[in-house]
Structure formats: structure tokens, C-alpha cells
Amino acid sequence: MSAPGVDRPGPPRLGALEAQVMDVLWDHGDATVREVIERLPTDPAYTTIATVLTHLGRKRLVTVDRQGRSTRYAARVSRQEHDADLMGHVLEASRDRAASILHFVESMPDDDLDLLREYLARREPGRSP
């Protein structure tokens, strides 16, 4: 584990189109290039999406399953796992992890705080939510 504030490679960041492609895979499951294109809000070129999926594969965010002449792509991690990795990386890079966590919690809306309280109550042995 890295010392606080020390740079380490973090989870891959997503460009705008990469994020849209990942959203398609996260929302709809595995897909071919054509199926991804059909679900995007714009109509990008086939080669553009094929290239994006290749880049996402290099970033280890998608798996590639070649079946004869067809290739299907699937998200390697869930949206929640990716988001948690990003948040964890930000906390590791913080010079004051505790202050960052506390500031984040202070900025949370009441609904999120209630969710956090319920989760923590379930984690503590002998306590009920």
C-alpha cells in the first residue's frame, strides 16, 4: 500500500465517449459494437466505437469474447466497483485522509447519511438498525 499523498496508478479515467460506452455495458450487459452503437445517444462510426472498446480492453475495463465472426464486449467490473475504486484512489492521494472523509460525509445529503448510518449499524455486532 502506498503512503498517503504518494502517486500511484489509479483506476483508469474515462473520457466522455468511453463513459457512454461503459454506461451501455453496465446498463444492458454484454454487447457487440453494433449493439453499443444502437444504444448510444449519438450515431458514432463503427470504427470509433470499435477503437473505444479496444482502449477499454487495454484499460482492463472490458472483457472480449470472440465467437466466430462476432465479438462481444462486457464490463469487467461493475459501475459501483469502478466508482469505489475512484473514491479509494482519491482518499489514498489525500494528505489528510480523515479530514477528507469527514468533509465528504459533512457534504452528504440526509438520505445518503441515513443509508450510511443503517449500513454502519448492520456492521456492528449486537446492534440492530
Protein backbone atom coordinates (compact mmCIF):
# COMPACT_ATOMS: atom_id res chain seq x y z
CA MET A 1 0.00 0.00 0.00
CA SER A 2 1.28 3.48 -0.84
CA ALA A 3 1.97 6.15 1.71
CA PRO A 4 -0.63 8.94 1.83
CA GLY A 5 -0.08 11.55 -0.84
CA VAL A 6 2.23 9.31 -2.90
CA ASP A 7 1.24 8.97 -6.53
CA ARG A 8 0.25 5.50 -7.63
CA PRO A 9 -1.56 4.39 -10.70
CA GLY A 10 -5.25 4.72 -10.02
CA PRO A 11 -8.31 3.31 -11.66
CA PRO A 12 -8.49 4.22 -15.32
CA ARG A 13 -10.21 7.52 -16.01
CA LEU A 14 -12.88 7.55 -18.65
CA GLY A 15 -13.21 10.02 -21.47
CA ALA A 16 -16.72 11.20 -22.39
CA LEU A 17 -17.30 8.58 -25.11
CA GLU A 18 -15.66 5.84 -23.03
CA ALA A 19 -18.05 6.68 -20.18
CA GLN A 20 -21.04 6.46 -22.54
CA VAL A 21 -19.87 3.07 -23.84
CA MET A 22 -19.31 1.78 -20.30
CA ASP A 23 -22.78 3.01 -19.33
CA VAL A 24 -24.23 0.92 -22.17
CA LEU A 25 -22.37 -2.17 -20.97
CA TRP A 26 -23.26 -1.53 -17.32
CA ASP A 27 -26.94 -0.86 -18.10
CA HIS A 28 -27.53 -3.54 -20.75
CA GLY A 29 -24.86 -6.22 -20.29
CA ASP A 30 -22.52 -7.61 -22.91
CA ALA A 31 -22.87 -6.31 -26.45
CA THR A 32 -21.36 -6.20 -29.91
CA VAL A 33 -20.06 -2.97 -31.41
CA ARG A 34 -23.32 -2.56 -33.35
CA GLU A 35 -25.43 -3.12 -30.23
CA VAL A 36 -23.41 -0.49 -28.36
CA ILE A 37 -23.92 1.99 -31.22
CA GLU A 38 -27.69 1.36 -31.22
CA ARG A 39 -27.87 2.29 -27.54
CA LEU A 40 -25.77 5.46 -27.68
CA PRO A 41 -27.45 8.88 -27.84
CA THR A 42 -25.39 9.80 -30.92
CA ASP A 43 -24.58 7.82 -34.05
CA PRO A 44 -20.80 7.39 -34.00
CA ALA A 45 -18.89 5.50 -36.66
CA TYR A 46 -18.46 1.75 -36.19
CA THR A 47 -14.66 2.14 -36.21
CA THR A 48 -14.84 4.81 -33.50
CA ILE A 49 -16.71 2.53 -31.10
CA ALA A 50 -14.52 -0.45 -32.02
CA THR A 51 -11.48 1.67 -31.14
CA VAL A 52 -13.05 2.85 -27.86
CA LEU A 53 -13.79 -0.76 -26.90
CA THR A 54 -10.20 -1.73 -27.74
CA HIS A 55 -8.94 1.06 -25.47
CA LEU A 56 -11.33 -0.03 -22.69
CA GLY A 57 -9.95 -3.54 -23.07
CA ARG A 58 -6.39 -2.23 -22.67
CA LYS A 59 -7.54 -0.37 -19.56
CA ARG A 60 -8.85 -3.72 -18.29
CA LEU A 61 -12.40 -2.38 -18.01
CA VAL A 62 -13.97 -4.74 -20.55
CA THR A 63 -13.58 -8.37 -21.48
CA VAL A 64 -13.57 -9.51 -25.10
CA ASP A 65 -15.33 -12.71 -26.16
CA ARG A 66 -14.76 -13.69 -29.79
CA GLN A 67 -17.38 -16.12 -31.10
CA GLY A 68 -16.66 -16.95 -34.71
CA ARG A 69 -17.05 -13.72 -36.67
CA SER A 70 -18.77 -11.95 -33.80
CA THR A 71 -17.11 -10.20 -30.89
CA ARG A 72 -18.93 -9.37 -27.67
CA TYR A 73 -17.72 -6.96 -25.03
CA ALA A 74 -18.66 -7.00 -21.35
CA ALA A 75 -17.82 -4.83 -18.37
CA ARG A 76 -15.09 -6.44 -16.27
CA VAL A 77 -16.16 -4.56 -13.11
CA SER A 78 -19.48 -3.14 -12.01
CA ARG A 79 -20.20 0.58 -12.11
CA GLN A 80 -20.19 0.56 -8.29
CA GLU A 81 -16.80 -1.17 -8.11
CA HIS A 82 -15.32 1.34 -10.56
CA ASP A 83 -16.77 4.29 -8.61
CA ALA A 84 -15.50 2.85 -5.31
CA ASP A 85 -12.02 2.39 -6.84
CA LEU A 86 -12.04 6.05 -7.92
CA MET A 87 -13.09 7.22 -4.46
CA GLY A 88 -10.48 5.00 -2.81
CA HIS A 89 -7.78 6.42 -5.05
CA VAL A 90 -8.77 9.97 -4.15
CA LEU A 91 -8.60 9.11 -0.43
CA GLU A 92 -5.18 7.46 -0.83
CA ALA A 93 -3.88 10.58 -2.54
CA SER A 94 -5.17 12.83 0.24
CA ARG A 95 -2.66 14.32 2.63
CA ASP A 96 -5.26 14.10 5.41
CA ARG A 97 -7.46 11.07 4.79
CA ALA A 98 -9.55 11.54 7.94
CA ALA A 99 -10.28 15.19 7.14
CA SER A 100 -11.22 14.28 3.57
CA ILE A 101 -13.60 11.57 4.73
CA LEU A 102 -15.18 13.82 7.33
CA HIS A 103 -15.56 16.70 4.88
CA PHE A 104 -17.18 14.33 2.37
CA VAL A 105 -19.59 12.98 4.99
CA GLU A 106 -20.46 16.53 6.07
CA SER A 107 -21.38 17.35 2.48
CA MET A 108 -23.67 14.31 2.04
CA PRO A 109 -27.43 14.80 1.71
CA ASP A 110 -29.60 13.46 4.55
CA ASP A 111 -30.79 10.45 2.52
CA ASP A 112 -27.19 9.35 1.96
CA LEU A 113 -26.37 9.89 5.63
CA ASP A 114 -29.33 7.72 6.61
CA LEU A 115 -28.08 5.00 4.26
CA LEU A 116 -24.60 5.22 5.78
CA ARG A 117 -25.97 5.06 9.34
CA GLU A 118 -28.07 1.99 8.50
CA TYR A 119 -25.09 0.28 6.91
CA LEU A 120 -22.81 1.01 9.88
CA ALA A 121 -25.45 -0.19 12.34
CA ARG A 122 -25.70 -3.51 10.45
CA ARG A 123 -21.91 -3.92 10.54
CA GLU A 124 -21.66 -3.51 14.31
CA PRO A 125 -22.21 -6.82 16.12
CA GLY A 126 -25.04 -6.83 18.63
CA ARG A 127 -26.70 -3.68 17.27
CA SER A 128 -29.85 -3.51 15.24
CA PRO A 129 -30.50 -0.85 12.61
